[in-house]
Amino acid sequence: MRKATRVGAMVLVVGFIALLAYGLVSKGTSDRIDQALRDGRAVAGPSFDLELLQVGELPPRLERRLRPALADGRLSLAELRGTPVVLNMWASWCTPCRAEAKPLENAWKMVGRRGVLFLGLDIQDLRSDARDFLEEFGVSYPSVRESDREVADSYGATGIPETFFIDARGDVVGHVIGAVAPKQLAAGVGAAVSGEIAGVDSGGERSEPR
């Protein structure tokens, strides 16, 4: 009888641990954005209000629009309403992010003057390492940072780099998982400007989160 009771108790403990583990996992990355995009629907981008890692060099059109928002050293998604955004998630320790840095910078120089903002989101990184990365690759668009990955999780990012395309209303209209290719970047920028759905696409290599 005692043996049966002990076995029963162990089963309950194991079951409780399994439920706890499931609960912890289920509170992690959300896939609602990708689900909506696959259904052909835009979805409001999860809000954020983050520390500015660097202001960057803004073309005149964006300078006039965004300089007041950048003045306090923080940037929120709400402050970007009215501006199409290419949100690229990266970290200095991410090897694919290094390969992606120059193509992103080249694209920014071409389309930034059209009023499309490229915004880097540095995650799970040391501030000094992140700034060294920006200097090494000559990244001139603004970047924000979070020391963990709560914002990345809310967008459904399961690794880095990942790129989200957000239209002027603040809705996510496209997502590339992994290093973004030039054609994917062009299609995403077009979607962010027009508000049309670009959907979800697989890019190149990416690193697992820390």
C-alpha atoms as a PDB file:
ATOM      1  CA  MET A   1       0.000   0.000   0.000  1.00  0.00           C
ATOM      2  CA  ARG A   2       2.806   2.387   0.949  1.00  0.00           C
ATOM      3  CA  LYS A   3       4.663   1.539  -2.280  1.00  0.00           C
ATOM      4  CA  ALA A   4       1.585   2.305  -4.345  1.00  0.00           C
ATOM      5  CA  THR A   5       1.148   5.573  -2.486  1.00  0.00           C
ATOM      6  CA  ARG A   6       4.760   6.550  -3.148  1.00  0.00           C
ATOM      7  CA  VAL A   7       4.437   5.686  -6.837  1.00  0.00           C
ATOM      8  CA  GLY A   8       1.271   7.736  -7.047  1.00  0.00           C
ATOM      9  CA  ALA A   9       2.945  10.669  -5.363  1.00  0.00           C
ATOM     10  CA  MET A  10       5.906  10.482  -7.755  1.00  0.00           C
ATOM     11  CA  VAL A  11       3.560  10.450 -10.737  1.00  0.00           C
ATOM     12  CA  LEU A  12       1.860  13.593  -9.413  1.00  0.00           C
ATOM     13  CA  VAL A  13       5.226  15.320  -8.887  1.00  0.00           C
ATOM     14  CA  VAL A  14       6.426  14.433 -12.385  1.00  0.00           C
ATOM     15  CA  GLY A  15       3.145  15.599 -13.840  1.00  0.00           C
ATOM     16  CA  PHE A  16       3.379  18.888 -11.946  1.00  0.00           C
ATOM     17  CA  ILE A  17       6.929  19.495 -13.193  1.00  0.00           C
ATOM     18  CA  ALA A  18       5.849  18.761 -16.769  1.00  0.00           C
ATOM     19  CA  LEU A  19       2.967  21.231 -16.492  1.00  0.00           C
ATOM     20  CA  LEU A  20       5.275  23.847 -14.994  1.00  0.00           C
ATOM     21  CA  ALA A  21       7.782  23.404 -17.830  1.00  0.00           C
ATOM     22  CA  TYR A  22       4.999  23.693 -20.388  1.00  0.00           C
ATOM     23  CA  GLY A  23       3.769  26.856 -18.725  1.00  0.00           C
ATOM     24  CA  LEU A  24       7.215  28.421 -18.837  1.00  0.00           C
ATOM     25  CA  VAL A  25       7.648  27.568 -22.507  1.00  0.00           C
ATOM     26  CA  SER A  26       4.175  28.774 -23.433  1.00  0.00           C
ATOM     27  CA  LYS A  27       4.967  32.207 -21.958  1.00  0.00           C
ATOM     28  CA  GLY A  28       7.887  32.607 -24.368  1.00  0.00           C
ATOM     29  CA  THR A  29       7.847  33.472 -28.036  1.00  0.00           C
ATOM     30  CA  SER A  30       4.467  34.299 -29.561  1.00  0.00           C
ATOM     31  CA  ASP A  31       3.675  33.174 -33.119  1.00  0.00           C
ATOM     32  CA  ARG A  32       0.548  35.293 -33.578  1.00  0.00           C
ATOM     33  CA  ILE A  33       2.252  37.659 -36.037  1.00  0.00           C
ATOM     34  CA  ASP A  34       3.382  34.864 -38.341  1.00  0.00           C
ATOM     35  CA  GLN A  35      -0.021  33.194 -38.128  1.00  0.00           C
ATOM     36  CA  ALA A  36      -1.736  36.428 -39.171  1.00  0.00           C
ATOM     37  CA  LEU A  37       0.704  37.061 -42.019  1.00  0.00           C
ATOM     38  CA  ARG A  38       0.226  33.532 -43.348  1.00  0.00           C
ATOM     39  CA  ASP A  39      -3.517  34.215 -43.347  1.00  0.00           C
ATOM     40  CA  GLY A  40      -2.906  37.368 -45.371  1.00  0.00           C
ATOM     41  CA  ARG A  41      -3.589  39.737 -42.485  1.00  0.00           C
ATOM     42  CA  ALA A  42      -1.515  42.558 -41.052  1.00  0.00           C
ATOM     43  CA  VAL A  43      -1.254  42.736 -37.267  1.00  0.00           C
ATOM     44  CA  ALA A  44      -0.416  45.623 -34.951  1.00  0.00           C
ATOM     45  CA  GLY A  45       3.260  45.578 -34.032  1.00  0.00           C
ATOM     46  CA  PRO A  46       3.858  44.911 -30.319  1.00  0.00           C
ATOM     47  CA  SER A  47       4.709  48.150 -28.576  1.00  0.00           C
ATOM     48  CA  PHE A  48       8.164  48.928 -27.269  1.00  0.00           C
ATOM     49  CA  ASP A  49       9.953  51.820 -25.588  1.00  0.00           C
ATOM     50  CA  LEU A  50      13.679  51.172 -25.608  1.00  0.00           C
ATOM     51  CA  GLU A  51      17.049  52.796 -24.986  1.00  0.00           C
ATOM     52  CA  LEU A  52      18.702  54.298 -28.041  1.00  0.00           C
ATOM     53  CA  LEU A  53      22.015  52.639 -28.769  1.00  0.00           C
ATOM     54  CA  GLN A  54      22.790  55.156 -31.503  1.00  0.00           C
ATOM     55  CA  VAL A  55      20.832  57.880 -33.249  1.00  0.00           C
ATOM     56  CA  GLY A  56      22.610  57.347 -36.540  1.00  0.00           C
ATOM     57  CA  GLU A  57      22.631  59.634 -39.546  1.00  0.00           C
ATOM     58  CA  LEU A  58      19.137  60.483 -40.736  1.00  0.00           C
ATOM     59  CA  PRO A  59      18.355  61.848 -44.207  1.00  0.00           C
ATOM     60  CA  PRO A  60      16.558  65.212 -44.165  1.00  0.00           C
ATOM     61  CA  ARG A  61      13.058  63.760 -44.585  1.00  0.00           C
ATOM     62  CA  LEU A  62      13.413  61.500 -41.546  1.00  0.00           C
ATOM     63  CA  GLU A  63      15.464  64.049 -39.628  1.00  0.00           C
ATOM     64  CA  ARG A  64      12.569  66.517 -39.622  1.00  0.00           C
ATOM     65  CA  ARG A  65      10.059  63.852 -38.639  1.00  0.00           C
ATOM     66  CA  LEU A  66      11.964  61.899 -36.008  1.00  0.00           C
ATOM     67  CA  ARG A  67      14.550  64.135 -34.378  1.00  0.00           C
ATOM     68  CA  PRO A  68      12.178  65.207 -31.534  1.00  0.00           C
ATOM     69  CA  ALA A  69      11.387  61.564 -30.768  1.00  0.00           C
ATOM     70  CA  LEU A  70      15.073  60.682 -30.593  1.00  0.00           C
ATOM     71  CA  ALA A  71      16.051  63.617 -28.383  1.00  0.00           C
ATOM     72  CA  ASP A  72      15.339  61.914 -25.045  1.00  0.00           C
ATOM     73  CA  GLY A  73      17.588  58.906 -25.684  1.00  0.00           C
ATOM     74  CA  ARG A  74      14.700  56.476 -26.043  1.00  0.00           C
ATOM     75  CA  LEU A  75      12.444  55.421 -28.893  1.00  0.00           C
ATOM     76  CA  SER A  76       8.994  53.855 -28.922  1.00  0.00           C
ATOM     77  CA  LEU A  77       6.974  52.271 -31.703  1.00  0.00           C
ATOM     78  CA  ALA A  78       4.224  54.822 -31.059  1.00  0.00           C
ATOM     79  CA  GLU A  79       6.661  57.632 -31.922  1.00  0.00           C
ATOM     80  CA  LEU A  80       7.248  56.028 -35.327  1.00  0.00           C
ATOM     81  CA  ARG A  81       3.600  56.136 -36.370  1.00  0.00           C
ATOM     82  CA  GLY A  82       3.416  57.581 -39.868  1.00  0.00           C
ATOM     83  CA  THR A  83       6.810  56.153 -40.840  1.00  0.00           C
ATOM     84  CA  PRO A  84       7.381  52.801 -42.598  1.00  0.00           C
ATOM     85  CA  VAL A  85       9.919  50.804 -40.578  1.00  0.00           C
ATOM     86  CA  VAL A  86      12.339  47.958 -41.294  1.00  0.00           C
ATOM     87  CA  LEU A  87      12.981  46.456 -37.845  1.00  0.00           C
ATOM     88  CA  ASN A  88      16.094  44.259 -37.860  1.00  0.00           C
ATOM     89  CA  MET A  89      16.937  42.204 -34.765  1.00  0.00           C
ATOM     90  CA  TRP A  90      20.635  41.496 -34.257  1.00  0.00           C
ATOM     91  CA  ALA A  91      23.503  41.055 -31.787  1.00  0.00           C
ATOM     92  CA  SER A  92      27.265  41.490 -31.986  1.00  0.00           C
ATOM     93  CA  TRP A  93      27.847  37.777 -31.184  1.00  0.00           C
ATOM     94  CA  CYS A  94      25.603  36.650 -34.056  1.00  0.00           C
ATOM     95  CA  THR A  95      27.736  35.517 -37.021  1.00  0.00           C
ATOM     96  CA  PRO A  96      24.944  35.766 -39.641  1.00  0.00           C
ATOM     97  CA  CYS A  97      24.266  39.298 -38.414  1.00  0.00           C
ATOM     98  CA  ARG A  98      27.792  40.242 -39.409  1.00  0.00           C
ATOM     99  CA  ALA A  99      27.240  38.954 -42.936  1.00  0.00           C
ATOM    100  CA  GLU A 100      23.955  40.864 -43.146  1.00  0.00           C
ATOM    101  CA  ALA A 101      25.238  44.211 -41.846  1.00  0.00           C
ATOM    102  CA  LYS A 102      26.667  45.633 -45.071  1.00  0.00           C
ATOM    103  CA  PRO A 103      23.675  44.731 -47.310  1.00  0.00           C
ATOM    104  CA  LEU A 104      21.352  46.356 -44.771  1.00  0.00           C
ATOM    105  CA  GLU A 105      23.477  49.498 -44.642  1.00  0.00           C
ATOM    106  CA  ASN A 106      23.586  49.711 -48.440  1.00  0.00           C
ATOM    107  CA  ALA A 107      19.804  49.361 -48.653  1.00  0.00           C
ATOM    108  CA  TRP A 108      19.334  51.995 -45.950  1.00  0.00           C
ATOM    109  CA  LYS A 109      21.386  54.498 -47.903  1.00  0.00           C
ATOM    110  CA  MET A 110      19.147  53.959 -50.917  1.00  0.00           C
ATOM    111  CA  VAL A 111      15.678  53.959 -49.337  1.00  0.00           C
ATOM    112  CA  GLY A 112      16.154  56.037 -46.181  1.00  0.00           C
ATOM    113  CA  ARG A 113      15.881  59.216 -48.196  1.00  0.00           C
ATOM    114  CA  ARG A 114      12.434  58.019 -49.344  1.00  0.00           C
ATOM    115  CA  GLY A 115      11.206  58.180 -45.754  1.00  0.00           C
ATOM    116  CA  VAL A 116      11.637  54.518 -44.798  1.00  0.00           C
ATOM    117  CA  LEU A 117      13.339  54.064 -41.441  1.00  0.00           C
ATOM    118  CA  PHE A 118      15.728  51.195 -40.822  1.00  0.00           C
ATOM    119  CA  LEU A 119      15.858  50.444 -37.105  1.00  0.00           C
ATOM    120  CA  GLY A 120      18.196  47.933 -35.500  1.00  0.00           C
ATOM    121  CA  LEU A 121      17.125  46.129 -32.325  1.00  0.00           C
ATOM    122  CA  ASP A 122      20.158  44.802 -30.459  1.00  0.00           C
ATOM    123  CA  ILE A 123      19.256  42.001 -28.038  1.00  0.00           C
ATOM    124  CA  GLN A 124      21.040  39.995 -25.343  1.00  0.00           C
ATOM    125  CA  ASP A 125      24.228  41.945 -25.866  1.00  0.00           C
ATOM    126  CA  LEU A 126      26.741  44.096 -24.047  1.00  0.00           C
ATOM    127  CA  ARG A 127      26.338  47.766 -24.870  1.00  0.00           C
ATOM    128  CA  SER A 128      30.055  48.177 -25.595  1.00  0.00           C
ATOM    129  CA  ASP A 129      30.161  45.137 -27.897  1.00  0.00           C
ATOM    130  CA  ALA A 130      27.094  46.361 -29.763  1.00  0.00           C
ATOM    131  CA  ARG A 131      28.621  49.787 -30.338  1.00  0.00           C
ATOM    132  CA  ASP A 132      31.858  48.212 -31.547  1.00  0.00           C
ATOM    133  CA  PHE A 133      29.788  46.195 -34.050  1.00  0.00           C
ATOM    134  CA  LEU A 134      28.052  49.322 -35.352  1.00  0.00           C
ATOM    135  CA  GLU A 135      31.381  51.093 -35.787  1.00  0.00           C
ATOM    136  CA  GLU A 136      33.071  48.100 -37.429  1.00  0.00           C
ATOM    137  CA  PHE A 137      30.374  47.749 -40.086  1.00  0.00           C
ATOM    138  CA  GLY A 138      29.646  51.436 -40.518  1.00  0.00           C
ATOM    139  CA  VAL A 139      25.973  51.085 -39.588  1.00  0.00           C
ATOM    140  CA  SER A 140      24.459  54.559 -39.862  1.00  0.00           C
ATOM    141  CA  TYR A 141      20.764  53.942 -39.159  1.00  0.00           C
ATOM    142  CA  PRO A 142      19.359  54.191 -35.619  1.00  0.00           C
ATOM    143  CA  SER A 143      19.525  51.251 -33.233  1.00  0.00           C
ATOM    144  CA  VAL A 144      17.796  50.522 -29.940  1.00  0.00           C
ATOM    145  CA  ARG A 145      18.665  47.805 -27.431  1.00  0.00           C
ATOM    146  CA  GLU A 146      17.193  45.528 -24.804  1.00  0.00           C
ATOM    147  CA  SER A 147      19.406  43.497 -22.521  1.00  0.00           C
ATOM    148  CA  ASP A 148      17.088  40.482 -22.699  1.00  0.00           C
ATOM    149  CA  ARG A 149      14.643  39.496 -25.469  1.00  0.00           C
ATOM    150  CA  GLU A 150      11.130  40.367 -24.291  1.00  0.00           C
ATOM    151  CA  VAL A 151      10.412  42.556 -27.319  1.00  0.00           C
ATOM    152  CA  ALA A 152      11.918  39.975 -29.677  1.00  0.00           C
ATOM    153  CA  ASP A 153       9.727  37.284 -28.107  1.00  0.00           C
ATOM    154  CA  SER A 154       6.624  39.451 -28.459  1.00  0.00           C
ATOM    155  CA  TYR A 155       7.316  39.732 -32.194  1.00  0.00           C
ATOM    156  CA  GLY A 156       7.786  35.973 -32.508  1.00  0.00           C
ATOM    157  CA  ALA A 157      11.528  35.993 -33.213  1.00  0.00           C
ATOM    158  CA  THR A 158      13.019  32.599 -32.457  1.00  0.00           C
ATOM    159  CA  GLY A 159      16.599  33.511 -33.383  1.00  0.00           C
ATOM    160  CA  ILE A 160      18.599  36.312 -34.990  1.00  0.00           C
ATOM    161  CA  PRO A 161      18.845  37.950 -37.377  1.00  0.00           C
ATOM    162  CA  GLU A 162      15.165  38.399 -38.089  1.00  0.00           C
ATOM    163  CA  THR A 163      13.578  41.325 -39.911  1.00  0.00           C
ATOM    164  CA  PHE A 164      10.053  42.696 -39.554  1.00  0.00           C
ATOM    165  CA  PHE A 165       8.463  45.154 -41.963  1.00  0.00           C
ATOM    166  CA  ILE A 166       6.061  47.633 -40.354  1.00  0.00           C
ATOM    167  CA  ASP A 167       3.827  50.007 -42.290  1.00  0.00           C
ATOM    168  CA  ALA A 168       3.046  53.617 -41.422  1.00  0.00           C
ATOM    169  CA  ARG A 169       0.044  52.551 -39.301  1.00  0.00           C
ATOM    170  CA  GLY A 170       2.275  50.458 -37.067  1.00  0.00           C
ATOM    171  CA  ASP A 171       1.116  47.122 -38.511  1.00  0.00           C
ATOM    172  CA  VAL A 172       3.532  44.281 -39.271  1.00  0.00           C
ATOM    173  CA  VAL A 173       3.164  43.348 -42.947  1.00  0.00           C
ATOM    174  CA  GLY A 174       6.193  41.087 -43.452  1.00  0.00           C
ATOM    175  CA  HIS A 175       8.744  38.937 -41.651  1.00  0.00           C
ATOM    176  CA  VAL A 176      11.975  37.326 -42.849  1.00  0.00           C
ATOM    177  CA  ILE A 177      13.411  34.612 -40.600  1.00  0.00           C
ATOM    178  CA  GLY A 178      17.198  34.537 -40.879  1.00  0.00           C
ATOM    179  CA  ALA A 179      19.580  36.767 -42.810  1.00  0.00           C
ATOM    180  CA  VAL A 180      17.520  38.813 -45.261  1.00  0.00           C
ATOM    181  CA  ALA A 181      18.385  38.664 -48.975  1.00  0.00           C
ATOM    182  CA  PRO A 182      18.304  41.803 -51.163  1.00  0.00           C
ATOM    183  CA  LYS A 183      15.134  40.667 -52.989  1.00  0.00           C
ATOM    184  CA  GLN A 184      13.390  39.957 -49.694  1.00  0.00           C
ATOM    185  CA  LEU A 185      14.474  43.322 -48.372  1.00  0.00           C
ATOM    186  CA  ALA A 186      13.159  45.115 -51.442  1.00  0.00           C
ATOM    187  CA  ALA A 187       9.828  43.272 -51.238  1.00  0.00           C
ATOM    188  CA  GLY A 188       9.524  44.030 -47.524  1.00  0.00           C
ATOM    189  CA  VAL A 189      10.284  47.721 -47.983  1.00  0.00           C
ATOM    190  CA  GLY A 190       7.651  47.865 -50.728  1.00  0.00           C
ATOM    191  CA  ALA A 191       5.120  46.253 -48.404  1.00  0.00           C
ATOM    192  CA  ALA A 192       5.955  48.638 -45.560  1.00  0.00           C
ATOM    193  CA  VAL A 193       5.418  51.611 -47.879  1.00  0.00           C
ATOM    194  CA  SER A 194       2.214  50.317 -49.497  1.00  0.00           C
ATOM    195  CA  GLY A 195       0.693  48.511 -46.519  1.00  0.00           C
ATOM    196  CA  GLU A 196       0.296  45.332 -48.544  1.00  0.00           C
ATOM    197  CA  ILE A 197       1.115  41.943 -47.030  1.00  0.00           C
ATOM    198  CA  ALA A 198       4.549  40.510 -47.816  1.00  0.00           C
ATOM    199  CA  GLY A 199       3.981  37.455 -45.616  1.00  0.00           C
ATOM    200  CA  VAL A 200       6.551  35.264 -43.874  1.00  0.00           C
ATOM    201  CA  ASP A 201       9.683  34.071 -45.644  1.00  0.00           C
ATOM    202  CA  SER A 202      12.789  32.090 -44.730  1.00  0.00           C
ATOM    203  CA  GLY A 203      16.073  33.884 -45.198  1.00  0.00           C
ATOM    204  CA  GLY A 204      19.645  32.727 -44.772  1.00  0.00           C
ATOM    205  CA  GLU A 205      21.492  31.511 -41.696  1.00  0.00           C
ATOM    206  CA  ARG A 206      20.655  32.632 -38.175  1.00  0.00           C
ATOM    207  CA  SER A 207      21.884  32.147 -34.645  1.00  0.00           C
ATOM    208  CA  GLU A 208      19.914  30.608 -31.795  1.00  0.00           C
ATOM    209  CA  PRO A 209      18.990  32.931 -28.920  1.00  0.00           C
ATOM    210  CA  ARG A 210      21.137  32.885 -25.780  1.00  0.00           C
END
